[in-house]
Amino acid sequence: MSFRQSPEQTKAARAWAAFVAANDTRLQAAGLPTLAAASVEHWDDLLRHGRFTDHPDSTQFEITQLTDDQYAVFTDLVESYFLAGYEYFTPGALKREDQERLGTRFDR
């Protein structure tokens, strides 16, 4: 018996793949591990916690390891993610001022 995705799951997977492809250069410039782009669930885990808490990560990556320049690229990526239509939540990985800025823009 094989597993079949629903049309909604297929559409969501394609949308995520398109987001990752469109932002590949920025994902690399931000210094994020490839695990960050593995799925929306991985990305959300990183955004919520600043590290992977729900997914095994042999690198033990944390957002606090980013340089200032990498963090700036990361915050741009987070904004692009929500602009792409993904449901807004307060990203715990961001500094308070960045959370507030995005909250003002997206939390409705």
PDB file of N, CA and C in Angstrom:
ATOM      1  N   MET A   1       0.851  -1.169   0.000  1.00  0.00           N
ATOM      2  CA  MET A   1       0.000   0.000   0.000  1.00  0.00           C
ATOM      3  C   MET A   1       0.897   1.233   0.000  1.00  0.00           C
ATOM      4  N   SER A   2       0.632   2.143  -0.885  1.00  0.00           N
ATOM      5  CA  SER A   2       1.463   3.345  -0.971  1.00  0.00           C
ATOM      6  C   SER A   2       0.726   4.541  -0.379  1.00  0.00           C
ATOM      7  N   PHE A   3       1.511   5.506   0.039  1.00  0.00           N
ATOM      8  CA  PHE A   3       0.966   6.723   0.622  1.00  0.00           C
ATOM      9  C   PHE A   3       0.707   7.728  -0.482  1.00  0.00           C
ATOM     10  N   ARG A   4      -0.464   8.314  -0.474  1.00  0.00           N
ATOM     11  CA  ARG A   4      -0.817   9.334  -1.454  1.00  0.00           C
ATOM     12  C   ARG A   4      -1.164  10.621  -0.744  1.00  0.00           C
ATOM     13  N   GLN A   5      -0.584  11.711  -1.241  1.00  0.00           N
ATOM     14  CA  GLN A   5      -0.899  13.008  -0.654  1.00  0.00           C
ATOM     15  C   GLN A   5      -2.235  13.509  -1.186  1.00  0.00           C
ATOM     16  N   SER A   6      -2.909  14.263  -0.341  1.00  0.00           N
ATOM     17  CA  SER A   6      -4.139  14.909  -0.783  1.00  0.00           C
ATOM     18  C   SER A   6      -3.758  16.036  -1.735  1.00  0.00           C
ATOM     19  N   PRO A   7      -4.693  16.517  -2.532  1.00  0.00           N
ATOM     20  CA  PRO A   7      -4.389  17.651  -3.412  1.00  0.00           C
ATOM     21  C   PRO A   7      -3.900  18.877  -2.639  1.00  0.00           C
ATOM     22  N   GLU A   8      -4.433  19.086  -1.435  1.00  0.00           N
ATOM     23  CA  GLU A   8      -3.999  20.225  -0.623  1.00  0.00           C
ATOM     24  C   GLU A   8      -2.549  20.057  -0.176  1.00  0.00           C
ATOM     25  N   GLN A   9      -2.183  18.833   0.215  1.00  0.00           N
ATOM     26  CA  GLN A   9      -0.804  18.565   0.628  1.00  0.00           C
ATOM     27  C   GLN A   9       0.159  18.733  -0.547  1.00  0.00           C
ATOM     28  N   THR A  10      -0.256  18.275  -1.707  1.00  0.00           N
ATOM     29  CA  THR A  10       0.573  18.424  -2.903  1.00  0.00           C
ATOM     30  C   THR A  10       0.764  19.891  -3.244  1.00  0.00           C
ATOM     31  N   LYS A  11      -0.306  20.657  -3.178  1.00  0.00           N
ATOM     32  CA  LYS A  11      -0.221  22.093  -3.450  1.00  0.00           C
ATOM     33  C   LYS A  11       0.691  22.788  -2.443  1.00  0.00           C
ATOM     34  N   ALA A  12       0.566  22.441  -1.162  1.00  0.00           N
ATOM     35  CA  ALA A  12       1.394  23.045  -0.115  1.00  0.00           C
ATOM     36  C   ALA A  12       2.867  22.687  -0.309  1.00  0.00           C
ATOM     37  N   ALA A  13       3.141  21.439  -0.669  1.00  0.00           N
ATOM     38  CA  ALA A  13       4.528  21.013  -0.893  1.00  0.00           C
ATOM     39  C   ALA A  13       5.134  21.751  -2.089  1.00  0.00           C
ATOM     40  N   ARG A  14       4.357  21.939  -3.122  1.00  0.00           N
ATOM     41  CA  ARG A  14       4.844  22.683  -4.294  1.00  0.00           C
ATOM     42  C   ARG A  14       5.089  24.151  -3.960  1.00  0.00           C
ATOM     43  N   ALA A  15       4.192  24.737  -3.176  1.00  0.00           N
ATOM     44  CA  ALA A  15       4.356  26.139  -2.786  1.00  0.00           C
ATOM     45  C   ALA A  15       5.620  26.299  -1.939  1.00  0.00           C
ATOM     46  N   TRP A  16       5.861  25.367  -1.021  1.00  0.00           N
ATOM     47  CA  TRP A  16       7.068  25.437  -0.191  1.00  0.00           C
ATOM     48  C   TRP A  16       8.318  25.288  -1.059  1.00  0.00           C
ATOM     49  N   ALA A  17       8.308  24.328  -1.971  1.00  0.00           N
ATOM     50  CA  ALA A  17       9.455  24.128  -2.867  1.00  0.00           C
ATOM     51  C   ALA A  17       9.723  25.381  -3.692  1.00  0.00           C
ATOM     52  N   ALA A  18       8.675  26.050  -4.132  1.00  0.00           N
ATOM     53  CA  ALA A  18       8.836  27.289  -4.901  1.00  0.00           C
ATOM     54  C   ALA A  18       9.414  28.397  -4.027  1.00  0.00           C
ATOM     55  N   PHE A  19       8.953  28.492  -2.779  1.00  0.00           N
ATOM     56  CA  PHE A  19       9.481  29.498  -1.859  1.00  0.00           C
ATOM     57  C   PHE A  19      10.975  29.262  -1.631  1.00  0.00           C
ATOM     58  N   VAL A  20      11.341  28.026  -1.377  1.00  0.00           N
ATOM     59  CA  VAL A  20      12.748  27.687  -1.137  1.00  0.00           C
ATOM     60  C   VAL A  20      13.589  27.994  -2.378  1.00  0.00           C
ATOM     61  N   ALA A  21      13.104  27.615  -3.545  1.00  0.00           N
ATOM     62  CA  ALA A  21      13.850  27.872  -4.780  1.00  0.00           C
ATOM     63  C   ALA A  21      14.033  29.373  -5.008  1.00  0.00           C
ATOM     64  N   ALA A  22      12.985  30.135  -4.769  1.00  0.00           N
ATOM     65  CA  ALA A  22      13.051  31.583  -4.986  1.00  0.00           C
ATOM     66  C   ALA A  22      13.961  32.277  -3.978  1.00  0.00           C
ATOM     67  N   ASN A  23      14.186  31.648  -2.848  1.00  0.00           N
ATOM     68  CA  ASN A  23      14.964  32.271  -1.771  1.00  0.00           C
ATOM     69  C   ASN A  23      16.251  31.522  -1.446  1.00  0.00           C
ATOM     70  N   ASP A  24      16.672  30.637  -2.318  1.00  0.00           N
ATOM     71  CA  ASP A  24      17.854  29.814  -2.069  1.00  0.00           C
ATOM     72  C   ASP A  24      19.100  30.647  -1.760  1.00  0.00           C
ATOM     73  N   THR A  25      19.323  31.688  -2.519  1.00  0.00           N
ATOM     74  CA  THR A  25      20.502  32.531  -2.303  1.00  0.00           C
ATOM     75  C   THR A  25      20.464  33.163  -0.914  1.00  0.00           C
ATOM     76  N   ARG A  26      19.297  33.627  -0.514  1.00  0.00           N
ATOM     77  CA  ARG A  26      19.174  34.245   0.813  1.00  0.00           C
ATOM     78  C   ARG A  26      19.270  33.217   1.931  1.00  0.00           C
ATOM     79  N   LEU A  27      18.754  32.028   1.724  1.00  0.00           N
ATOM     80  CA  LEU A  27      18.893  30.971   2.729  1.00  0.00           C
ATOM     81  C   LEU A  27      20.369  30.680   2.982  1.00  0.00           C
ATOM     82  N   GLN A  28      21.138  30.631   1.906  1.00  0.00           N
ATOM     83  CA  GLN A  28      22.579  30.395   2.044  1.00  0.00           C
ATOM     84  C   GLN A  28      23.275  31.596   2.678  1.00  0.00           C
ATOM     85  N   ALA A  29      22.920  32.798   2.241  1.00  0.00           N
ATOM     86  CA  ALA A  29      23.548  34.014   2.778  1.00  0.00           C
ATOM     87  C   ALA A  29      23.257  34.180   4.268  1.00  0.00           C
ATOM     88  N   ALA A  30      22.128  33.669   4.707  1.00  0.00           N
ATOM     89  CA  ALA A  30      21.769  33.764   6.126  1.00  0.00           C
ATOM     90  C   ALA A  30      22.537  32.751   6.974  1.00  0.00           C
ATOM     91  N   GLY A  31      23.228  31.840   6.321  1.00  0.00           N
ATOM     92  CA  GLY A  31      23.999  30.852   7.076  1.00  0.00           C
ATOM     93  C   GLY A  31      23.157  29.779   7.725  1.00  0.00           C
ATOM     94  N   LEU A  32      21.977  29.536   7.167  1.00  0.00           N
ATOM     95  CA  LEU A  32      21.073  28.538   7.752  1.00  0.00           C
ATOM     96  C   LEU A  32      21.442  27.135   7.270  1.00  0.00           C
ATOM     97  N   PRO A  33      21.272  26.138   8.120  1.00  0.00           N
ATOM     98  CA  PRO A  33      21.523  24.765   7.690  1.00  0.00           C
ATOM     99  C   PRO A  33      20.447  24.315   6.702  1.00  0.00           C
ATOM    100  N   THR A  34      20.768  23.334   5.892  1.00  0.00           N
ATOM    101  CA  THR A  34      19.805  22.835   4.904  1.00  0.00           C
ATOM    102  C   THR A  34      18.535  22.319   5.571  1.00  0.00           C
ATOM    103  N   LEU A  35      18.635  21.885   6.810  1.00  0.00           N
ATOM    104  CA  LEU A  35      17.471  21.392   7.543  1.00  0.00           C
ATOM    105  C   LEU A  35      16.367  22.451   7.635  1.00  0.00           C
ATOM    106  N   ALA A  36      16.753  23.721   7.657  1.00  0.00           N
ATOM    107  CA  ALA A  36      15.775  24.809   7.777  1.00  0.00           C
ATOM    108  C   ALA A  36      14.783  24.813   6.622  1.00  0.00           C
ATOM    109  N   ALA A  37      15.228  24.381   5.451  1.00  0.00           N
ATOM    110  CA  ALA A  37      14.373  24.404   4.262  1.00  0.00           C
ATOM    111  C   ALA A  37      13.762  23.041   3.934  1.00  0.00           C
ATOM    112  N   ALA A  38      13.940  22.078   4.805  1.00  0.00           N
ATOM    113  CA  ALA A  38      13.445  20.728   4.530  1.00  0.00           C
ATOM    114  C   ALA A  38      11.929  20.671   4.374  1.00  0.00           C
ATOM    115  N   SER A  39      11.223  21.491   5.150  1.00  0.00           N
ATOM    116  CA  SER A  39       9.759  21.529   5.071  1.00  0.00           C
ATOM    117  C   SER A  39       9.270  22.774   5.803  1.00  0.00           C
ATOM    118  N   VAL A  40       8.018  23.091   5.603  1.00  0.00           N
ATOM    119  CA  VAL A  40       7.412  24.201   6.344  1.00  0.00           C
ATOM    120  C   VAL A  40       7.495  23.914   7.850  1.00  0.00           C
ATOM    121  N   GLU A  41       7.302  22.677   8.230  1.00  0.00           N
ATOM    122  CA  GLU A  41       7.345  22.316   9.645  1.00  0.00           C
ATOM    123  C   GLU A  41       8.729  22.577  10.248  1.00  0.00           C
ATOM    124  N   HIS A  42       9.786  22.244   9.497  1.00  0.00           N
ATOM    125  CA  HIS A  42      11.149  22.518   9.964  1.00  0.00           C
ATOM    126  C   HIS A  42      11.369  24.026  10.095  1.00  0.00           C
ATOM    127  N   TRP A  43      10.940  24.769   9.075  1.00  0.00           N
ATOM    128  CA  TRP A  43      11.101  26.221   9.073  1.00  0.00           C
ATOM    129  C   TRP A  43      10.352  26.841  10.256  1.00  0.00           C
ATOM    130  N   ASP A  44       9.109  26.425  10.448  1.00  0.00           N
ATOM    131  CA  ASP A  44       8.321  26.963  11.560  1.00  0.00           C
ATOM    132  C   ASP A  44       8.955  26.621  12.907  1.00  0.00           C
ATOM    133  N   ASP A  45       9.504  25.435  13.027  1.00  0.00           N
ATOM    134  CA  ASP A  45      10.190  25.035  14.262  1.00  0.00           C
ATOM    135  C   ASP A  45      11.346  25.998  14.546  1.00  0.00           C
ATOM    136  N   LEU A  46      12.137  26.287  13.526  1.00  0.00           N
ATOM    137  CA  LEU A  46      13.255  27.217  13.685  1.00  0.00           C
ATOM    138  C   LEU A  46      12.757  28.623  14.019  1.00  0.00           C
ATOM    139  N   LEU A  47      11.703  29.072  13.333  1.00  0.00           N
ATOM    140  CA  LEU A  47      11.175  30.414  13.599  1.00  0.00           C
ATOM    141  C   LEU A  47      10.598  30.532  15.002  1.00  0.00           C
ATOM    142  N   ARG A  48       9.931  29.507  15.458  1.00  0.00           N
ATOM    143  CA  ARG A  48       9.295  29.560  16.782  1.00  0.00           C
ATOM    144  C   ARG A  48      10.319  29.551  17.922  1.00  0.00           C
ATOM    145  N   HIS A  49      11.388  28.770  17.745  1.00  0.00           N
ATOM    146  CA  HIS A  49      12.283  28.500  18.870  1.00  0.00           C
ATOM    147  C   HIS A  49      13.710  29.014  18.703  1.00  0.00           C
ATOM    148  N   GLY A  50      14.088  29.397  17.487  1.00  0.00           N
ATOM    149  CA  GLY A  50      15.466  29.834  17.262  1.00  0.00           C
ATOM    150  C   GLY A  50      16.436  28.672  17.109  1.00  0.00           C
ATOM    151  N   ARG A  51      15.897  27.480  17.138  1.00  0.00           N
ATOM    152  CA  ARG A  51      16.654  26.238  16.965  1.00  0.00           C
ATOM    153  C   ARG A  51      15.639  25.154  16.645  1.00  0.00           C
ATOM    154  N   PHE A  52      16.121  23.977  16.327  1.00  0.00           N
ATOM    155  CA  PHE A  52      15.211  22.874  16.019  1.00  0.00           C
ATOM    156  C   PHE A  52      14.902  22.105  17.295  1.00  0.00           C
ATOM    157  N   THR A  53      13.664  22.225  17.750  1.00  0.00           N
ATOM    158  CA  THR A  53      13.265  21.505  18.956  1.00  0.00           C
ATOM    159  C   THR A  53      12.436  20.266  18.629  1.00  0.00           C
ATOM    160  N   ASP A  54      11.766  20.278  17.483  1.00  0.00           N
ATOM    161  CA  ASP A  54      10.889  19.172  17.103  1.00  0.00           C
ATOM    162  C   ASP A  54      11.496  18.273  16.037  1.00  0.00           C
ATOM    163  N   HIS A  55      12.721  18.581  15.603  1.00  0.00           N
ATOM    164  CA  HIS A  55      13.381  17.820  14.548  1.00  0.00           C
ATOM    165  C   HIS A  55      14.841  17.582  14.941  1.00  0.00           C
ATOM    166  N   PRO A  56      15.319  16.356  14.804  1.00  0.00           N
ATOM    167  CA  PRO A  56      16.718  16.079  15.147  1.00  0.00           C
ATOM    168  C   PRO A  56      17.671  16.933  14.302  1.00  0.00           C
ATOM    169  N   ASP A  57      18.656  17.536  14.975  1.00  0.00           N
ATOM    170  CA  ASP A  57      19.630  18.402  14.300  1.00  0.00           C
ATOM    171  C   ASP A  57      21.020  18.091  14.834  1.00  0.00           C
ATOM    172  N   SER A  58      21.792  17.367  14.050  1.00  0.00           N
ATOM    173  CA  SER A  58      23.130  16.970  14.492  1.00  0.00           C
ATOM    174  C   SER A  58      24.079  18.163  14.599  1.00  0.00           C
ATOM    175  N   THR A  59      23.740  19.293  13.960  1.00  0.00           N
ATOM    176  CA  THR A  59      24.614  20.473  14.008  1.00  0.00           C
ATOM    177  C   THR A  59      24.364  21.332  15.242  1.00  0.00           C
ATOM    178  N   GLN A  60      23.243  21.102  15.935  1.00  0.00           N
ATOM    179  CA  GLN A  60      22.886  21.896  17.120  1.00  0.00           C
ATOM    180  C   GLN A  60      22.805  23.393  16.787  1.00  0.00           C
ATOM    181  N   PHE A  61      22.310  23.701  15.589  1.00  0.00           N
ATOM    182  CA  PHE A  61      22.238  25.086  15.116  1.00  0.00           C
ATOM    183  C   PHE A  61      21.290  25.917  15.971  1.00  0.00           C
ATOM    184  N   GLU A  62      21.687  27.163  16.207  1.00  0.00           N
ATOM    185  CA  GLU A  62      20.825  28.142  16.879  1.00  0.00           C
ATOM    186  C   GLU A  62      20.974  29.485  16.173  1.00  0.00           C
ATOM    187  N   ILE A  63      19.891  30.231  16.099  1.00  0.00           N
ATOM    188  CA  ILE A  63      19.898  31.543  15.455  1.00  0.00           C
ATOM    189  C   ILE A  63      20.932  32.469  16.087  1.00  0.00           C
ATOM    190  N   THR A  64      21.196  32.297  17.359  1.00  0.00           N
ATOM    191  CA  THR A  64      22.170  33.155  18.050  1.00  0.00           C
ATOM    192  C   THR A  64      23.577  33.018  17.473  1.00  0.00           C
ATOM    193  N   GLN A  65      23.824  32.001  16.663  1.00  0.00           N
ATOM    194  CA  GLN A  65      25.129  31.806  16.035  1.00  0.00           C
ATOM    195  C   GLN A  65      25.332  32.709  14.825  1.00  0.00           C
ATOM    196  N   LEU A  66      24.263  33.333  14.332  1.00  0.00           N
ATOM    197  CA  LEU A  66      24.364  34.156  13.130  1.00  0.00           C
ATOM    198  C   LEU A  66      25.120  35.450  13.406  1.00  0.00           C
ATOM    199  N   THR A  67      25.845  35.909  12.389  1.00  0.00           N
ATOM    200  CA  THR A  67      26.460  37.229  12.465  1.00  0.00           C
ATOM    201  C   THR A  67      25.360  38.270  12.293  1.00  0.00           C
ATOM    202  N   ASP A  68      25.671  39.524  12.523  1.00  0.00           N
ATOM    203  CA  ASP A  68      24.681  40.587  12.326  1.00  0.00           C
ATOM    204  C   ASP A  68      24.188  40.618  10.892  1.00  0.00           C
ATOM    205  N   ASP A  69      25.090  40.455   9.933  1.00  0.00           N
ATOM    206  CA  ASP A  69      24.690  40.453   8.518  1.00  0.00           C
ATOM    207  C   ASP A  69      23.799  39.262   8.194  1.00  0.00           C
ATOM    208  N   GLN A  70      24.146  38.096   8.702  1.00  0.00           N
ATOM    209  CA  GLN A  70      23.319  36.911   8.470  1.00  0.00           C
ATOM    210  C   GLN A  70      21.946  37.073   9.117  1.00  0.00           C
ATOM    211  N   TYR A  71      21.917  37.637  10.306  1.00  0.00           N
ATOM    212  CA  TYR A  71      20.639  37.857  10.993  1.00  0.00           C
ATOM    213  C   TYR A  71      19.754  38.806  10.186  1.00  0.00           C
ATOM    214  N   ALA A  72      20.340  39.834   9.598  1.00  0.00           N
ATOM    215  CA  ALA A  72      19.564  40.777   8.775  1.00  0.00           C
ATOM    216  C   ALA A  72      18.943  40.061   7.582  1.00  0.00           C
ATOM    217  N   VAL A  73      19.694  39.176   6.949  1.00  0.00           N
ATOM    218  CA  VAL A  73      19.158  38.400   5.827  1.00  0.00           C
ATOM    219  C   VAL A  73      18.056  37.478   6.331  1.00  0.00           C
ATOM    220  N   PHE A  74      18.264  36.871   7.484  1.00  0.00           N
ATOM    221  CA  PHE A  74      17.274  35.982   8.072  1.00  0.00           C
ATOM    222  C   PHE A  74      15.959  36.718   8.333  1.00  0.00           C
ATOM    223  N   THR A  75      16.033  37.914   8.908  1.00  0.00           N
ATOM    224  CA  THR A  75      14.794  38.660   9.179  1.00  0.00           C
ATOM    225  C   THR A  75      14.075  39.012   7.877  1.00  0.00           C
ATOM    226  N   ASP A  76      14.823  39.304   6.823  1.00  0.00           N
ATOM    227  CA  ASP A  76      14.206  39.548   5.510  1.00  0.00           C
ATOM    228  C   ASP A  76      13.497  38.286   5.007  1.00  0.00           C
ATOM    229  N   LEU A  77      14.129  37.134   5.212  1.00  0.00           N
ATOM    230  CA  LEU A  77      13.509  35.866   4.816  1.00  0.00           C
ATOM    231  C   LEU A  77      12.219  35.611   5.579  1.00  0.00           C
ATOM    232  N   VAL A  78      12.246  35.879   6.863  1.00  0.00           N
ATOM    233  CA  VAL A  78      11.053  35.679   7.686  1.00  0.00           C
ATOM    234  C   VAL A  78       9.922  36.576   7.175  1.00  0.00           C
ATOM    235  N   GLU A  79      10.243  37.815   6.878  1.00  0.00           N
ATOM    236  CA  GLU A  79       9.229  38.726   6.345  1.00  0.00           C
ATOM    237  C   GLU A  79       8.695  38.219   5.008  1.00  0.00           C
ATOM    238  N   SER A  80       9.583  37.744   4.141  1.00  0.00           N
ATOM    239  CA  SER A  80       9.162  37.195   2.842  1.00  0.00           C
ATOM    240  C   SER A  80       8.250  35.989   3.019  1.00  0.00           C
ATOM    241  N   TYR A  81       8.532  35.190   4.018  1.00  0.00           N
ATOM    242  CA  TYR A  81       7.723  34.007   4.305  1.00  0.00           C
ATOM    243  C   TYR A  81       6.280  34.411   4.607  1.00  0.00           C
ATOM    244  N   PHE A  82       6.114  35.369   5.469  1.00  0.00           N
ATOM    245  CA  PHE A  82       4.759  35.808   5.804  1.00  0.00           C
ATOM    246  C   PHE A  82       4.114  36.566   4.645  1.00  0.00           C
ATOM    247  N   LEU A  83       4.900  37.316   3.892  1.00  0.00           N
ATOM    248  CA  LEU A  83       4.367  37.992   2.705  1.00  0.00           C
ATOM    249  C   LEU A  83       3.873  36.989   1.661  1.00  0.00           C
ATOM    250  N   ALA A  84       4.487  35.806   1.654  1.00  0.00           N
ATOM    251  CA  ALA A  84       4.081  34.759   0.704  1.00  0.00           C
ATOM    252  C   ALA A  84       2.737  34.140   1.075  1.00  0.00           C
ATOM    253  N   GLY A  85       2.196  34.532   2.230  1.00  0.00           N
ATOM    254  CA  GLY A  85       0.869  34.060   2.595  1.00  0.00           C
ATOM    255  C   GLY A  85       0.835  33.002   3.676  1.00  0.00           C
ATOM    256  N   TYR A  86       1.985  32.639   4.209  1.00  0.00           N
ATOM    257  CA  TYR A  86       1.979  31.675   5.300  1.00  0.00           C
ATOM    258  C   TYR A  86       1.407  32.334   6.552  1.00  0.00           C
ATOM    259  N   GLU A  87       0.700  31.540   7.348  1.00  0.00           N
ATOM    260  CA  GLU A  87      -0.002  32.072   8.516  1.00  0.00           C
ATOM    261  C   GLU A  87       0.979  32.713   9.493  1.00  0.00           C
ATOM    262  N   TYR A  88       0.650  33.919   9.918  1.00  0.00           N
ATOM    263  CA  TYR A  88       1.532  34.651  10.818  1.00  0.00           C
ATOM    264  C   TYR A  88       1.457  34.109  12.246  1.00  0.00           C
ATOM    265  N   PHE A  89       2.606  34.032  12.869  1.00  0.00           N
ATOM    266  CA  PHE A  89       2.748  33.785  14.301  1.00  0.00           C
ATOM    267  C   PHE A  89       3.969  34.588  14.739  1.00  0.00           C
ATOM    268  N   THR A  90       4.063  34.885  15.999  1.00  0.00           N
ATOM    269  CA  THR A  90       5.209  35.642  16.486  1.00  0.00           C
ATOM    270  C   THR A  90       6.443  34.738  16.457  1.00  0.00           C
ATOM    271  N   PRO A  91       7.431  35.090  15.621  1.00  0.00           N
ATOM    272  CA  PRO A  91       8.615  34.250  15.521  1.00  0.00           C
ATOM    273  C   PRO A  91       9.558  34.467  16.712  1.00  0.00           C
ATOM    274  N   GLY A  92       9.578  33.520  17.622  1.00  0.00           N
ATOM    275  CA  GLY A  92      10.406  33.612  18.810  1.00  0.00           C
ATOM    276  C   GLY A  92      11.891  33.674  18.515  1.00  0.00           C
ATOM    277  N   ALA A  93      12.296  33.296  17.293  1.00  0.00           N
ATOM    278  CA  ALA A  93      13.703  33.335  16.912  1.00  0.00           C
ATOM    279  C   ALA A  93      14.206  34.764  16.708  1.00  0.00           C
ATOM    280  N   LEU A  94      13.284  35.705  16.545  1.00  0.00           N
ATOM    281  CA  LEU A  94      13.676  37.089  16.263  1.00  0.00           C
ATOM    282  C   LEU A  94      13.813  37.910  17.535  1.00  0.00           C
ATOM    283  N   LYS A  95      14.605  38.950  17.432  1.00  0.00           N
ATOM    284  CA  LYS A  95      14.743  39.912  18.528  1.00  0.00           C
ATOM    285  C   LYS A  95      13.405  40.615  18.724  1.00  0.00           C
ATOM    286  N   ARG A  96      13.180  41.082  19.944  1.00  0.00           N
ATOM    287  CA  ARG A  96      11.908  41.712  20.312  1.00  0.00           C
ATOM    288  C   ARG A  96      11.494  42.800  19.323  1.00  0.00           C
ATOM    289  N   GLU A  97      12.421  43.689  18.949  1.00  0.00           N
ATOM    290  CA  GLU A  97      12.055  44.790  18.048  1.00  0.00           C
ATOM    291  C   GLU A  97      11.626  44.280  16.668  1.00  0.00           C
ATOM    292  N   ASP A  98      12.223  43.175  16.221  1.00  0.00           N
ATOM    293  CA  ASP A  98      11.820  42.597  14.939  1.00  0.00           C
ATOM    294  C   ASP A  98      10.475  41.893  15.062  1.00  0.00           C
ATOM    295  N   GLN A  99      10.227  41.268  16.197  1.00  0.00           N
ATOM    296  CA  GLN A  99       8.917  40.663  16.445  1.00  0.00           C
ATOM    297  C   GLN A  99       7.824  41.732  16.416  1.00  0.00           C
ATOM    298  N   GLU A 100       8.094  42.846  17.077  1.00  0.00           N
ATOM    299  CA  GLU A 100       7.105  43.922  17.133  1.00  0.00           C
ATOM    300  C   GLU A 100       6.849  44.522  15.754  1.00  0.00           C
ATOM    301  N   ARG A 101       7.927  44.717  14.990  1.00  0.00           N
ATOM    302  CA  ARG A 101       7.782  45.278  13.644  1.00  0.00           C
ATOM    303  C   ARG A 101       6.932  44.362  12.766  1.00  0.00           C
ATOM    304  N   LEU A 102       7.226  43.069  12.798  1.00  0.00           N
ATOM    305  CA  LEU A 102       6.448  42.131  11.985  1.00  0.00           C
ATOM    306  C   LEU A 102       5.035  41.981  12.526  1.00  0.00           C
ATOM    307  N   GLY A 103       4.892  41.995  13.842  1.00  0.00           N
ATOM    308  CA  GLY A 103       3.560  41.896  14.442  1.00  0.00           C
ATOM    309  C   GLY A 103       2.661  43.034  14.013  1.00  0.00           C
ATOM    310  N   THR A 104       3.229  44.231  13.945  1.00  0.00           N
ATOM    311  CA  THR A 104       2.459  45.388  13.499  1.00  0.00           C
ATOM    312  C   THR A 104       1.995  45.215  12.057  1.00  0.00           C
ATOM    313  N   ARG A 105       2.835  44.578  11.272  1.00  0.00           N
ATOM    314  CA  ARG A 105       2.514  44.424   9.858  1.00  0.00           C
ATOM    315  C   ARG A 105       1.571  43.248   9.571  1.00  0.00           C
ATOM    316  N   PHE A 106       1.761  42.135  10.274  1.00  0.00           N
ATOM    317  CA  PHE A 106       1.050  40.903   9.901  1.00  0.00           C
ATOM    318  C   PHE A 106       0.009  40.408  10.892  1.00  0.00           C
ATOM    319  N   ASP A 107       0.099  40.766  12.143  1.00  0.00           N
ATOM    320  CA  ASP A 107      -0.828  40.224  13.138  1.00  0.00           C
ATOM    321  C   ASP A 107      -2.138  40.998  13.082  1.00  0.00           C
ATOM    322  N   ARG A 108      -3.148  40.366  12.527  1.00  0.00           N
ATOM    323  CA  ARG A 108      -4.434  41.043  12.331  1.00  0.00           C
ATOM    324  C   ARG A 108      -5.531  40.332  13.052  1.00  0.00           C
TER     325      ARG A 108
END
